[in-house]
Amino acid sequence: MKKSQKKLNRRDFIKLSSIASASLPIALSGFPIYANEKPKELQFLNENENILVLIQLQGGNDGLNTIFNLNQYDNLQSVRSNIIIPESELLSVNGATRFHSSMNGIKEIWEQEKLGIIQNVGYPNQNRSHFRSTDIWNSASDANSYISSGWIGRFFDVNHSAFPENYPNEENPDPFAITIGKVVSETCQGLSSNFSMALEDPENPGTALVSNTGNIPNNCYGDALNFVNDTIKQTNAYATSIKNASNLGKNLSNKYTTSDLSEKLKNVAKLISGGLKTKVYVVQIGGFDTHDNQVVESDKKTGRHASLLQELSESMAAFQDDLELLNIDQKVLGMTYSEFGRRIRSNGGLGTDHGTAAPLFLFGNCAKSQILGDAPEIDTQVDDQEGVQMQFDFRNVYSTILTDWLGATKQEATTVLFNDFESLPIFKVNCNASLTSDTNINRESIFNVYPNPTTDFVIFNFTGSNANTKITLYNAIGAVVKVIANTIFNDFNHTVKIDLKTLPKGNYFIHYQTKGYSKTKKLLKY
């Protein structure tokens, strides 16, 4: 064989595919292929039986119309008078906390002590583009980094870097991840292939024909065709295991509705009960981009957002009920996420525009029943562009799930997420989670900012923790203005003077994060 006709291996084929399109995937029966180098020295623990179900709220959920705090209600009413739900219509949760009136199902999970709420989740330098911010959440990258792999895909890639070649096999007979829908989730994109299989109907997963008519040439084109054929064979093999699990599985809850999300979660429960060993399921519900007509003006507890929250709430409650009746609830954790929240001030079209941070739900038997974080602070003089400021980086949540639920070590989670993110106390003790974290994010700490309002400077007083501490100044739209400190402070009281002379007038936020504590304070420069 001539040198120019040298046979391509799988790695060569992937490299060639990347030349044609550096970042766009070649879709092969639900498995896009990317070209990237695999980080070295990664090794995960043996897989446990825990399962993660991700519910993506597409469009940017309005957290301020989802969870209310009565201590902030009057101020919120002042800046959202055209869309806010009357206080009497809200569902009582805990102390001053209230749910939207459409969230009876989620309230039921809360009353069963199987729901965790994490307030003010986002990331530094919030991007308000749907596509870019979704990429950031799926890839777990910094806002200024462009990563084509997803955090779940990199997790799987550690022990299965050869995937999809020689998969499925005796040790791994089932799909690693399943996206219930037509398109695979980029959350599951590995360094070479997507570990997720797109599935619409478990009872009819579908198969594809292998293109093997005639002689396959012994060159790079033949190798490409062989690669496609192998991927199709793999997809067909997975279709068989899915069909078997669907036939063996069942649903016992009578709470499911006919909504799209309810049907998706019903299928997930059925596959899990049928014995499918898939680790991660991804489902999506769209429509949260509520720029206008978010509410019905004559009855503000109704409208587009109310309908979406009702669908989400009823679907989550039915799914959790089904898992318990099927006796598989101990090994399943659900998590909601959305690319961003909405702005604090409503607009003139009975809606809200793209914002920054938002609340996140964790649910399941092992989810710690709590409200983690502070109620968003509402200022009646809030700028039109201002969103809820970040208190928790979403990668702190991801890191905890990787270590305490999916079985990664801290070093492995750090490598997958490109940085060290402290774990959060989001799981119950004595559950089937690993519980590697001993943090207590709600511990008391001195945290003062004065004078506020101010003109030229501000004094920041805080308690150290003998651990790395990061103090960051953000502007009203969530962009980093300056990193004030990123070092270790001992456990005494400390005072830092922050110079504001060169900054324009407006609202700013100081974010303080250290081991066991995270806080955001608002300040006004005039």
Protein backbone atom coordinates (compact mmCIF):
# COMPACT_ATOMS: atom_id res chain seq x y z
CA MET A 1 0.00 0.00 0.00
CA LYS A 2 1.29 3.44 -0.88
CA LYS A 3 1.97 5.94 1.85
CA SER A 4 -0.77 8.21 0.57
CA GLN A 5 -3.25 5.36 0.90
CA LYS A 6 -2.29 4.45 4.46
CA LYS A 7 -5.28 3.09 6.39
CA LEU A 8 -6.91 5.57 8.77
CA ASN A 9 -7.57 4.66 12.35
CA ARG A 10 -10.41 6.08 14.42
CA ARG A 11 -8.26 8.91 15.80
CA ASP A 12 -7.19 9.94 12.28
CA PHE A 13 -10.79 9.92 11.11
CA ILE A 14 -11.83 12.19 13.97
CA LYS A 15 -8.95 14.56 13.20
CA LEU A 16 -10.00 14.74 9.56
CA SER A 17 -13.60 15.39 10.54
CA SER A 18 -12.46 18.36 12.62
CA ILE A 19 -10.73 19.93 9.63
CA ALA A 20 -14.06 20.12 7.86
CA SER A 21 -15.69 21.72 10.88
CA ALA A 22 -13.66 22.64 13.92
CA SER A 23 -16.58 22.84 16.31
CA LEU A 24 -19.64 21.42 14.57
CA PRO A 25 -20.39 17.73 15.18
CA ILE A 26 -20.84 15.05 12.56
CA ALA A 27 -24.05 13.39 13.73
CA LEU A 28 -23.99 9.62 13.50
CA SER A 29 -27.21 8.11 14.83
CA GLY A 30 -27.19 10.38 17.82
CA PHE A 31 -23.42 10.34 18.44
CA PRO A 32 -21.71 13.58 17.32
CA ILE A 33 -17.95 13.33 16.87
CA TYR A 34 -15.49 16.05 17.89
CA ALA A 35 -11.74 16.30 17.71
CA ASN A 36 -10.04 17.06 21.01
CA GLU A 37 -7.13 15.83 23.04
CA LYS A 38 -7.87 13.82 26.14
CA PRO A 39 -6.45 15.12 29.43
CA LYS A 40 -4.03 12.67 31.00
CA GLU A 41 -3.84 11.12 34.45
CA LEU A 42 -7.58 10.79 35.02
CA GLN A 43 -8.96 7.74 36.70
CA PHE A 44 -12.40 7.49 38.26
CA LEU A 45 -13.59 5.13 40.92
CA ASN A 46 -15.69 2.13 39.94
CA GLU A 47 -19.16 3.21 38.95
CA ASN A 48 -21.83 3.17 41.64
CA GLU A 49 -25.53 2.64 40.97
CA ASN A 50 -26.55 6.27 41.43
CA ILE A 51 -28.46 7.90 38.59
CA LEU A 52 -28.66 11.61 37.70
CA VAL A 53 -31.67 13.10 35.90
CA LEU A 54 -31.10 16.59 34.48
CA ILE A 55 -34.13 18.76 33.67
CA GLN A 56 -33.14 21.68 31.45
CA LEU A 57 -35.44 24.72 31.58
CA GLN A 58 -34.74 26.21 28.17
CA GLY A 59 -35.04 29.95 27.71
CA GLY A 60 -34.00 31.33 31.09
CA ASN A 61 -36.37 30.75 34.03
CA ASP A 62 -37.61 33.75 35.98
CA GLY A 63 -36.52 32.79 39.49
CA LEU A 64 -38.15 35.87 41.04
CA ASN A 65 -41.52 34.64 39.77
CA THR A 66 -40.77 31.10 40.99
CA ILE A 67 -39.62 31.59 44.60
CA PHE A 68 -40.65 34.62 46.66
CA ASN A 69 -39.44 36.03 49.96
CA LEU A 70 -41.98 38.05 51.91
CA ASN A 71 -39.26 40.29 53.37
CA GLN A 72 -38.49 41.43 49.81
CA TYR A 73 -42.05 41.27 48.47
CA ASP A 74 -42.95 44.97 48.80
CA ASN A 75 -39.78 46.06 47.00
CA LEU A 76 -40.34 43.43 44.31
CA GLN A 77 -43.89 44.66 43.86
CA SER A 78 -42.53 48.18 43.38
CA VAL A 79 -40.35 47.12 40.41
CA ARG A 80 -42.71 44.45 39.03
CA SER A 81 -46.15 45.94 39.61
CA ASN A 82 -47.43 44.79 36.20
CA ILE A 83 -46.56 41.10 36.62
CA ILE A 84 -46.24 40.22 40.33
CA ILE A 85 -48.61 37.66 41.84
CA PRO A 86 -50.67 38.90 44.80
CA GLU A 87 -49.13 37.78 48.08
CA SER A 88 -52.37 36.03 49.09
CA GLU A 89 -52.09 33.72 46.05
CA LEU A 90 -48.61 32.40 46.89
CA LEU A 91 -47.96 28.95 48.36
CA SER A 92 -46.44 28.94 51.85
CA VAL A 93 -43.15 27.04 52.06
CA ASN A 94 -40.95 27.90 55.01
CA GLY A 95 -40.88 31.04 57.15
CA ALA A 96 -40.88 33.97 54.71
CA THR A 97 -40.42 31.76 51.62
CA ARG A 98 -43.28 31.26 49.17
CA PHE A 99 -43.74 29.36 45.89
CA HIS A 100 -45.61 30.44 42.77
CA SER A 101 -49.25 29.37 43.04
CA SER A 102 -48.80 26.83 40.21
CA MET A 103 -46.17 24.81 42.08
CA ASN A 104 -48.27 22.49 44.22
CA GLY A 105 -46.34 19.43 43.02
CA ILE A 106 -42.96 20.88 44.00
CA LYS A 107 -44.46 22.01 47.32
CA GLU A 108 -45.50 18.40 47.91
CA ILE A 109 -41.92 17.21 47.35
CA TRP A 110 -40.75 19.91 49.78
CA GLU A 111 -43.21 18.73 52.44
CA GLN A 112 -41.84 15.21 51.99
CA GLU A 113 -38.38 16.65 52.75
CA LYS A 114 -37.04 15.53 49.38
CA LEU A 115 -36.39 18.93 47.80
CA GLY A 116 -33.37 21.21 48.00
CA ILE A 117 -33.38 24.80 46.75
CA ILE A 118 -30.13 26.59 45.92
CA GLN A 119 -30.59 30.33 45.56
CA ASN A 120 -28.72 32.67 43.21
CA VAL A 121 -26.86 30.15 41.05
CA GLY A 122 -24.86 31.48 38.11
CA TYR A 123 -21.27 32.16 37.05
CA PRO A 124 -18.88 35.13 36.80
CA ASN A 125 -19.23 37.38 33.74
CA GLN A 126 -22.73 36.18 32.96
CA ASN A 127 -23.41 35.92 29.23
CA ARG A 128 -27.01 36.78 28.36
CA SER A 129 -27.08 34.99 25.03
CA HIS A 130 -29.21 31.82 25.10
CA PHE A 131 -26.78 29.84 22.98
CA ARG A 132 -23.56 30.94 24.62
CA SER A 133 -24.84 30.71 28.18
CA THR A 134 -26.26 27.23 27.51
CA ASP A 135 -22.84 26.23 26.16
CA ILE A 136 -21.23 27.51 29.36
CA TRP A 137 -23.61 25.53 31.58
CA ASN A 138 -23.23 22.37 29.48
CA SER A 139 -19.45 22.56 29.19
CA ALA A 140 -18.82 23.92 32.73
CA SER A 141 -16.33 26.36 31.25
CA ASP A 142 -15.41 29.90 32.20
CA ALA A 143 -17.42 32.55 30.37
CA ASN A 144 -14.40 33.45 28.21
CA SER A 145 -13.42 29.84 27.38
CA TYR A 146 -14.83 27.88 24.46
CA ILE A 147 -14.96 24.15 25.24
CA SER A 148 -16.66 21.67 22.90
CA SER A 149 -16.99 18.87 25.47
CA GLY A 150 -19.57 18.66 28.25
CA TRP A 151 -18.96 18.07 31.95
CA ILE A 152 -20.83 14.75 31.99
CA GLY A 153 -19.09 13.67 28.76
CA ARG A 154 -15.67 14.34 30.28
CA PHE A 155 -16.68 12.37 33.36
CA PHE A 156 -17.51 9.32 31.21
CA ASP A 157 -14.48 9.81 29.00
CA VAL A 158 -12.10 9.12 31.86
CA ASN A 159 -12.67 5.38 31.90
CA HIS A 160 -14.08 5.05 28.40
CA SER A 161 -11.82 7.11 26.13
CA ALA A 162 -12.15 4.60 23.27
CA PHE A 163 -15.91 5.08 23.08
CA PRO A 164 -17.77 4.38 20.80
CA GLU A 165 -15.31 1.78 19.46
CA ASN A 166 -16.08 -1.71 20.87
CA TYR A 167 -19.16 -0.46 22.74
CA PRO A 168 -21.50 -1.83 23.94
CA ASN A 169 -19.63 -4.69 25.55
CA GLU A 170 -20.16 -7.21 28.34
CA GLU A 171 -19.23 -4.73 31.09
CA ASN A 172 -21.11 -1.81 29.51
CA PRO A 173 -24.17 -3.20 27.72
CA ASP A 174 -26.35 -0.08 28.03
CA PRO A 175 -26.05 3.57 26.92
CA PHE A 176 -24.04 5.72 29.29
CA ALA A 177 -26.54 8.56 28.92
CA ILE A 178 -29.90 9.10 27.24
CA THR A 179 -31.46 12.35 26.08
CA ILE A 180 -35.24 11.98 25.87
CA GLY A 181 -35.89 13.82 22.63
CA LYS A 182 -34.64 14.19 19.07
CA VAL A 183 -31.19 15.68 19.72
CA VAL A 184 -28.45 14.54 22.08
CA SER A 185 -27.45 16.87 24.91
CA GLU A 186 -24.09 18.62 24.64
CA THR A 187 -23.77 18.09 28.40
CA CYS A 188 -22.79 14.51 27.50
CA GLN A 189 -20.31 15.40 24.75
CA GLY A 190 -17.03 13.63 25.42
CA LEU A 191 -13.64 14.50 24.07
CA SER A 192 -14.24 12.41 20.94
CA SER A 193 -17.90 11.32 20.93
CA ASN A 194 -21.19 12.11 22.61
CA PHE A 195 -22.02 9.56 25.29
CA SER A 196 -25.74 10.29 25.03
CA MET A 197 -28.25 8.56 22.79
CA ALA A 198 -31.28 10.53 21.62
CA LEU A 199 -34.49 8.61 22.30
CA GLU A 200 -38.10 9.59 21.70
CA ASP A 201 -39.97 6.33 22.30
CA PRO A 202 -38.40 3.57 24.47
CA GLU A 203 -40.80 1.01 23.03
CA ASN A 204 -39.68 1.86 19.51
CA PRO A 205 -36.05 3.05 19.73
CA GLY A 206 -35.54 2.45 16.01
CA THR A 207 -32.69 0.92 14.07
CA ALA A 208 -30.65 1.91 11.03
CA LEU A 209 -29.33 -0.01 8.05
CA VAL A 210 -25.61 -0.60 7.67
CA SER A 211 -24.28 0.68 4.34
CA ASN A 212 -22.26 -2.35 3.37
CA THR A 213 -23.46 -3.04 -0.16
CA GLY A 214 -20.63 -3.74 -2.57
CA ASN A 215 -16.92 -3.65 -1.83
CA ILE A 216 -15.69 -1.09 0.68
CA PRO A 217 -12.49 0.53 -0.66
CA ASN A 218 -9.28 0.05 1.29
CA ASN A 219 -8.55 3.75 1.80
CA CYS A 220 -9.54 6.66 4.01
CA TYR A 221 -13.05 6.78 2.52
CA GLY A 222 -13.51 3.10 3.26
CA ASP A 223 -12.32 3.62 6.81
CA ALA A 224 -14.83 6.44 7.23
CA LEU A 225 -17.62 4.19 5.94
CA ASN A 226 -16.55 1.38 8.26
CA PHE A 227 -16.59 3.83 11.16
CA VAL A 228 -20.13 4.91 10.29
CA ASN A 229 -21.21 1.27 9.97
CA ASP A 230 -19.70 0.41 13.36
CA THR A 231 -21.52 3.35 14.97
CA ILE A 232 -24.82 2.24 13.42
CA LYS A 233 -24.28 -1.30 14.70
CA GLN A 234 -23.63 0.13 18.15
CA THR A 235 -26.81 2.21 18.04
CA ASN A 236 -28.81 -0.85 16.99
CA ALA A 237 -27.32 -2.84 19.89
CA TYR A 238 -28.30 -0.11 22.34
CA ALA A 239 -31.79 -0.08 20.81
CA THR A 240 -32.13 -3.73 21.76
CA SER A 241 -31.17 -3.15 25.41
CA ILE A 242 -33.52 -0.15 25.60
CA LYS A 243 -36.39 -2.16 24.16
CA ASN A 244 -35.75 -4.97 26.64
CA ALA A 245 -35.72 -2.53 29.56
CA SER A 246 -38.90 -0.89 28.31
CA ASN A 247 -40.62 -4.29 28.14
CA LEU A 248 -39.49 -5.18 31.66
CA GLY A 249 -40.15 -1.76 33.16
CA LYS A 250 -43.38 -0.24 34.39
CA ASN A 251 -44.94 2.87 35.88
CA LEU A 252 -47.03 2.76 39.06
CA SER A 253 -47.87 6.41 39.70
CA ASN A 254 -51.24 7.79 38.62
CA LYS A 255 -50.02 11.39 38.88
CA TYR A 256 -48.55 11.70 35.39
CA THR A 257 -50.29 14.10 33.03
CA THR A 258 -50.26 14.21 29.24
CA SER A 259 -47.74 17.08 29.15
CA ASP A 260 -44.52 16.66 27.20
CA LEU A 261 -42.24 16.79 30.26
CA SER A 262 -44.45 14.39 32.19
CA GLU A 263 -44.25 11.84 29.36
CA LYS A 264 -40.47 12.20 29.20
CA LEU A 265 -39.99 11.60 32.92
CA LYS A 266 -42.45 8.73 32.80
CA ASN A 267 -40.24 7.07 30.18
CA VAL A 268 -37.15 7.65 32.35
CA ALA A 269 -38.80 5.97 35.35
CA LYS A 270 -39.89 3.04 33.19
CA LEU A 271 -36.38 2.46 31.81
CA ILE A 272 -34.81 2.64 35.27
CA SER A 273 -37.36 0.19 36.66
CA GLY A 274 -36.68 -2.09 33.69
CA GLY A 275 -33.06 -2.46 34.76
CA LEU A 276 -31.31 -0.17 32.26
CA LYS A 277 -27.93 0.78 33.71
CA THR A 278 -27.80 4.22 32.10
CA LYS A 279 -26.20 6.71 34.53
CA VAL A 280 -27.49 10.05 33.24
CA TYR A 281 -30.80 11.07 31.67
CA VAL A 282 -31.43 14.51 30.18
CA VAL A 283 -34.90 15.92 29.56
CA GLN A 284 -35.85 19.40 28.43
CA ILE A 285 -38.79 21.75 28.69
CA GLY A 286 -38.76 24.91 26.59
CA GLY A 287 -40.60 28.21 26.57
CA PHE A 288 -39.01 30.07 29.50
CA ASP A 289 -37.89 33.04 27.38
CA THR A 290 -40.76 35.19 28.67
CA HIS A 291 -40.02 38.63 27.22
CA ASP A 292 -43.72 39.37 26.87
CA ASN A 293 -47.06 38.07 28.12
CA GLN A 294 -45.40 36.23 30.97
CA VAL A 295 -48.65 36.71 32.90
CA VAL A 296 -52.27 37.43 32.08
CA GLU A 297 -52.79 41.04 33.09
CA SER A 298 -56.22 40.43 34.61
CA ASP A 299 -55.06 37.41 36.63
CA LYS A 300 -51.31 37.52 37.25
CA LYS A 301 -51.11 34.05 38.77
CA THR A 302 -51.89 32.69 35.28
CA GLY A 303 -50.14 32.97 31.94
CA ARG A 304 -47.19 31.44 30.08
CA HIS A 305 -44.84 31.21 33.03
CA ALA A 306 -47.53 29.83 35.31
CA SER A 307 -48.29 27.07 32.79
CA LEU A 308 -44.60 26.16 32.50
CA LEU A 309 -44.13 26.04 36.27
CA GLN A 310 -47.25 23.90 36.60
CA GLU A 311 -45.94 21.44 33.99
CA LEU A 312 -42.55 21.30 35.69
CA SER A 313 -44.06 20.94 39.15
CA GLU A 314 -46.60 18.24 38.27
CA SER A 315 -44.02 16.28 36.25
CA MET A 316 -41.43 16.32 39.05
CA ALA A 317 -44.03 15.24 41.63
CA ALA A 318 -45.31 12.37 39.44
CA PHE A 319 -41.77 11.20 38.69
CA GLN A 320 -40.76 11.23 42.37
CA ASP A 321 -43.97 9.41 43.31
CA ASP A 322 -43.31 6.78 40.64
CA LEU A 323 -39.73 6.21 41.80
CA GLU A 324 -40.95 5.63 45.36
CA LEU A 325 -43.71 3.24 44.32
CA LEU A 326 -41.19 1.34 42.16
CA ASN A 327 -38.77 1.25 45.12
CA ILE A 328 -35.93 2.76 43.11
CA ASP A 329 -36.02 6.25 44.60
CA GLN A 330 -32.87 5.85 46.73
CA LYS A 331 -30.60 5.82 43.69
CA VAL A 332 -32.08 8.69 41.65
CA LEU A 333 -31.28 12.41 41.98
CA GLY A 334 -33.03 15.06 39.88
CA MET A 335 -31.68 18.53 39.15
CA THR A 336 -33.15 21.48 37.24
CA TYR A 337 -31.02 24.10 35.49
CA SER A 338 -31.52 27.03 33.13
CA GLU A 339 -29.05 29.17 31.20
CA PHE A 340 -29.82 32.31 33.23
CA GLY A 341 -32.48 34.04 35.28
CA ARG A 342 -34.42 37.18 34.35
CA ARG A 343 -33.86 40.83 35.21
CA ILE A 344 -35.22 42.19 38.45
CA ARG A 345 -37.32 44.95 36.89
CA SER A 346 -40.12 43.82 34.57
CA ASN A 347 -40.60 45.36 31.14
CA GLY A 348 -43.59 47.08 29.57
CA GLY A 349 -44.75 43.95 27.74
CA LEU A 350 -45.84 42.04 30.85
CA GLY A 351 -42.56 40.15 30.73
CA THR A 352 -38.93 40.03 31.82
CA ASP A 353 -35.64 40.18 29.93
CA HIS A 354 -32.43 38.14 30.13
CA GLY A 355 -30.76 38.35 33.53
CA THR A 356 -28.11 36.61 35.59
CA ALA A 357 -28.48 34.14 38.48
CA ALA A 358 -31.53 32.04 39.36
CA PRO A 359 -32.60 29.29 41.80
CA LEU A 360 -31.91 25.63 41.11
CA PHE A 361 -33.88 22.61 42.38
CA LEU A 362 -32.44 19.28 43.55
CA PHE A 363 -34.93 16.54 44.34
CA GLY A 364 -34.93 12.94 45.47
CA ASN A 365 -34.63 10.90 48.66
CA CYS A 366 -31.00 11.94 49.11
CA ALA A 367 -31.48 15.66 48.39
CA LYS A 368 -31.06 17.67 51.59
CA SER A 369 -34.28 19.48 52.42
CA GLN A 370 -33.15 23.10 52.68
CA ILE A 371 -33.04 26.54 51.15
CA LEU A 372 -29.33 27.11 50.56
CA GLY A 373 -28.39 30.74 50.13
CA ASP A 374 -29.99 34.13 50.66
CA ALA A 375 -33.18 35.56 49.27
CA PRO A 376 -32.29 37.92 46.39
CA GLU A 377 -31.97 41.50 47.58
CA ILE A 378 -34.42 43.80 45.80
CA ASP A 379 -33.73 47.53 45.49
CA THR A 380 -36.62 49.79 44.47
CA GLN A 381 -34.13 51.92 42.51
CA VAL A 382 -32.81 48.92 40.62
CA ASP A 383 -31.25 49.57 37.22
CA ASP A 384 -33.17 48.32 34.17
CA GLN A 385 -30.26 46.01 33.27
CA GLU A 386 -29.73 44.48 36.70
CA GLY A 387 -30.33 40.80 37.39
CA VAL A 388 -30.07 38.67 40.50
CA GLN A 389 -26.40 38.48 41.47
CA MET A 390 -24.58 35.17 41.79
CA GLN A 391 -24.04 33.71 45.23
CA PHE A 392 -23.11 30.16 44.14
CA ASP A 393 -21.19 29.22 41.03
CA PHE A 394 -23.05 26.40 39.26
CA ARG A 395 -19.77 24.48 39.11
CA ASN A 396 -19.85 24.18 42.91
CA VAL A 397 -23.04 22.17 42.40
CA TYR A 398 -21.48 20.11 39.60
CA SER A 399 -18.39 19.38 41.70
CA THR A 400 -20.54 18.11 44.57
CA ILE A 401 -22.58 15.88 42.27
CA LEU A 402 -19.43 14.44 40.74
CA THR A 403 -17.85 13.61 44.10
CA ASP A 404 -20.79 12.93 46.39
CA TRP A 405 -23.17 11.32 43.91
CA LEU A 406 -21.34 9.93 40.88
CA GLY A 407 -18.26 8.77 42.79
CA ALA A 408 -15.40 10.94 41.57
CA THR A 409 -12.52 11.93 43.84
CA LYS A 410 -11.95 15.62 44.51
CA GLN A 411 -8.92 15.68 42.22
CA GLU A 412 -10.89 14.01 39.43
CA ALA A 413 -13.72 16.53 39.77
CA THR A 414 -11.18 19.36 39.69
CA THR A 415 -9.71 18.04 36.44
CA VAL A 416 -13.12 17.54 34.80
CA LEU A 417 -14.22 21.06 35.78
CA PHE A 418 -10.84 22.67 34.96
CA ASN A 419 -10.59 24.14 38.46
CA ASP A 420 -11.13 23.45 42.14
CA PHE A 421 -14.72 24.20 43.19
CA GLU A 422 -15.70 23.70 46.81
CA SER A 423 -18.44 21.18 47.49
CA LEU A 424 -21.79 22.25 48.92
CA PRO A 425 -23.84 20.49 51.62
CA ILE A 426 -26.65 19.36 49.31
CA PHE A 427 -27.06 15.69 50.32
CA LYS A 428 -28.58 14.10 53.40
CA VAL A 429 -26.31 12.31 55.85
CA ASN A 430 -26.57 8.49 55.91
CA CYS A 431 -27.77 8.39 52.32
CA ASN A 432 -26.25 6.46 49.42
CA ALA A 433 -24.22 9.50 48.43
CA SER A 434 -20.48 9.51 49.09
CA LEU A 435 -20.62 12.69 51.21
CA THR A 436 -16.98 13.67 50.73
CA SER A 437 -17.74 17.25 51.71
CA ASP A 438 -17.86 18.50 55.30
CA THR A 439 -18.64 22.09 54.42
CA ASN A 440 -21.37 24.06 56.12
CA ILE A 441 -22.19 26.92 53.84
CA ASN A 442 -24.65 28.47 56.30
CA ARG A 443 -22.24 28.93 59.20
CA GLU A 444 -22.25 32.34 60.87
CA SER A 445 -19.59 34.75 59.67
CA ILE A 446 -18.82 38.42 60.04
CA PHE A 447 -19.47 40.09 56.71
CA ASN A 448 -19.87 43.88 56.67
CA VAL A 449 -19.67 46.48 53.91
CA TYR A 450 -19.52 50.20 54.80
CA PRO A 451 -20.04 53.03 54.13
CA ASN A 452 -22.92 52.11 51.86
CA PRO A 453 -23.89 54.13 49.81
CA THR A 454 -20.41 55.50 49.19
CA THR A 455 -18.41 57.69 46.81
CA ASP A 456 -14.68 56.91 46.71
CA PHE A 457 -14.10 53.73 48.71
CA VAL A 458 -15.74 50.97 50.72
CA ILE A 459 -14.54 49.00 53.76
CA PHE A 460 -15.07 45.25 53.66
CA ASN A 461 -14.89 43.47 57.02
CA PHE A 462 -14.96 39.66 57.15
CA THR A 463 -13.84 36.57 59.05
CA GLY A 464 -11.11 34.40 57.59
CA SER A 465 -11.33 30.59 57.43
CA ASN A 466 -7.72 29.35 57.11
CA ALA A 467 -8.65 28.42 53.55
CA ASN A 468 -8.41 30.08 50.19
CA THR A 469 -10.69 33.10 50.06
CA LYS A 470 -11.79 34.93 46.93
CA ILE A 471 -13.27 38.42 47.07
CA THR A 472 -14.65 39.76 43.79
CA LEU A 473 -16.33 43.01 42.80
CA TYR A 474 -19.11 42.70 40.18
CA ASN A 475 -21.13 45.31 38.35
CA ALA A 476 -24.92 45.34 37.98
CA ILE A 477 -25.00 42.92 35.02
CA GLY A 478 -22.73 40.31 36.61
CA ALA A 479 -19.42 41.22 34.97
CA VAL A 480 -16.23 41.02 37.02
CA VAL A 481 -14.90 44.53 37.76
CA LYS A 482 -11.90 43.38 39.78
CA VAL A 483 -10.68 40.47 41.88
CA ILE A 484 -9.92 42.09 45.22
CA ALA A 485 -8.28 39.08 46.86
CA ASN A 486 -7.61 35.44 46.09
CA THR A 487 -5.53 34.10 48.95
CA ILE A 488 -5.64 32.39 52.36
CA PHE A 489 -6.81 34.41 55.38
CA ASN A 490 -6.55 33.04 58.92
CA ASP A 491 -9.65 32.73 61.08
CA PHE A 492 -9.39 36.24 62.57
CA ASN A 493 -11.32 39.32 61.51
CA HIS A 494 -9.92 41.13 58.50
CA THR A 495 -10.55 44.50 56.93
CA VAL A 496 -9.99 45.37 53.27
CA LYS A 497 -10.34 48.87 51.81
CA ILE A 498 -11.57 48.88 48.22
CA ASP A 499 -10.87 51.91 46.04
CA LEU A 500 -13.86 52.92 43.89
CA LYS A 501 -12.66 56.33 42.64
CA THR A 502 -12.25 55.30 39.00
CA LEU A 503 -15.55 53.46 38.76
CA PRO A 504 -18.71 55.07 37.34
CA LYS A 505 -21.74 55.65 39.56
CA GLY A 506 -24.12 52.74 39.96
CA ASN A 507 -24.80 49.49 41.76
CA TYR A 508 -22.03 46.99 42.50
CA PHE A 509 -21.77 43.70 44.35
CA ILE A 510 -19.05 42.22 46.53
CA HIS A 511 -18.91 38.43 46.37
CA TYR A 512 -17.07 36.62 49.15
CA GLN A 513 -16.36 32.90 48.86
CA THR A 514 -14.29 30.64 51.06
CA LYS A 515 -14.46 27.08 52.31
CA GLY A 516 -17.83 26.70 53.99
CA TYR A 517 -19.19 30.14 53.18
CA SER A 518 -20.47 32.17 50.23
CA LYS A 519 -22.10 35.58 50.35
CA THR A 520 -22.96 38.54 48.12
CA LYS A 521 -23.50 42.11 49.31
CA LYS A 522 -24.83 45.01 47.27
CA LEU A 523 -23.32 48.50 47.41
CA LEU A 524 -24.18 51.79 45.74
CA LYS A 525 -21.65 54.29 44.45
CA TYR A 526 -23.13 57.76 43.88
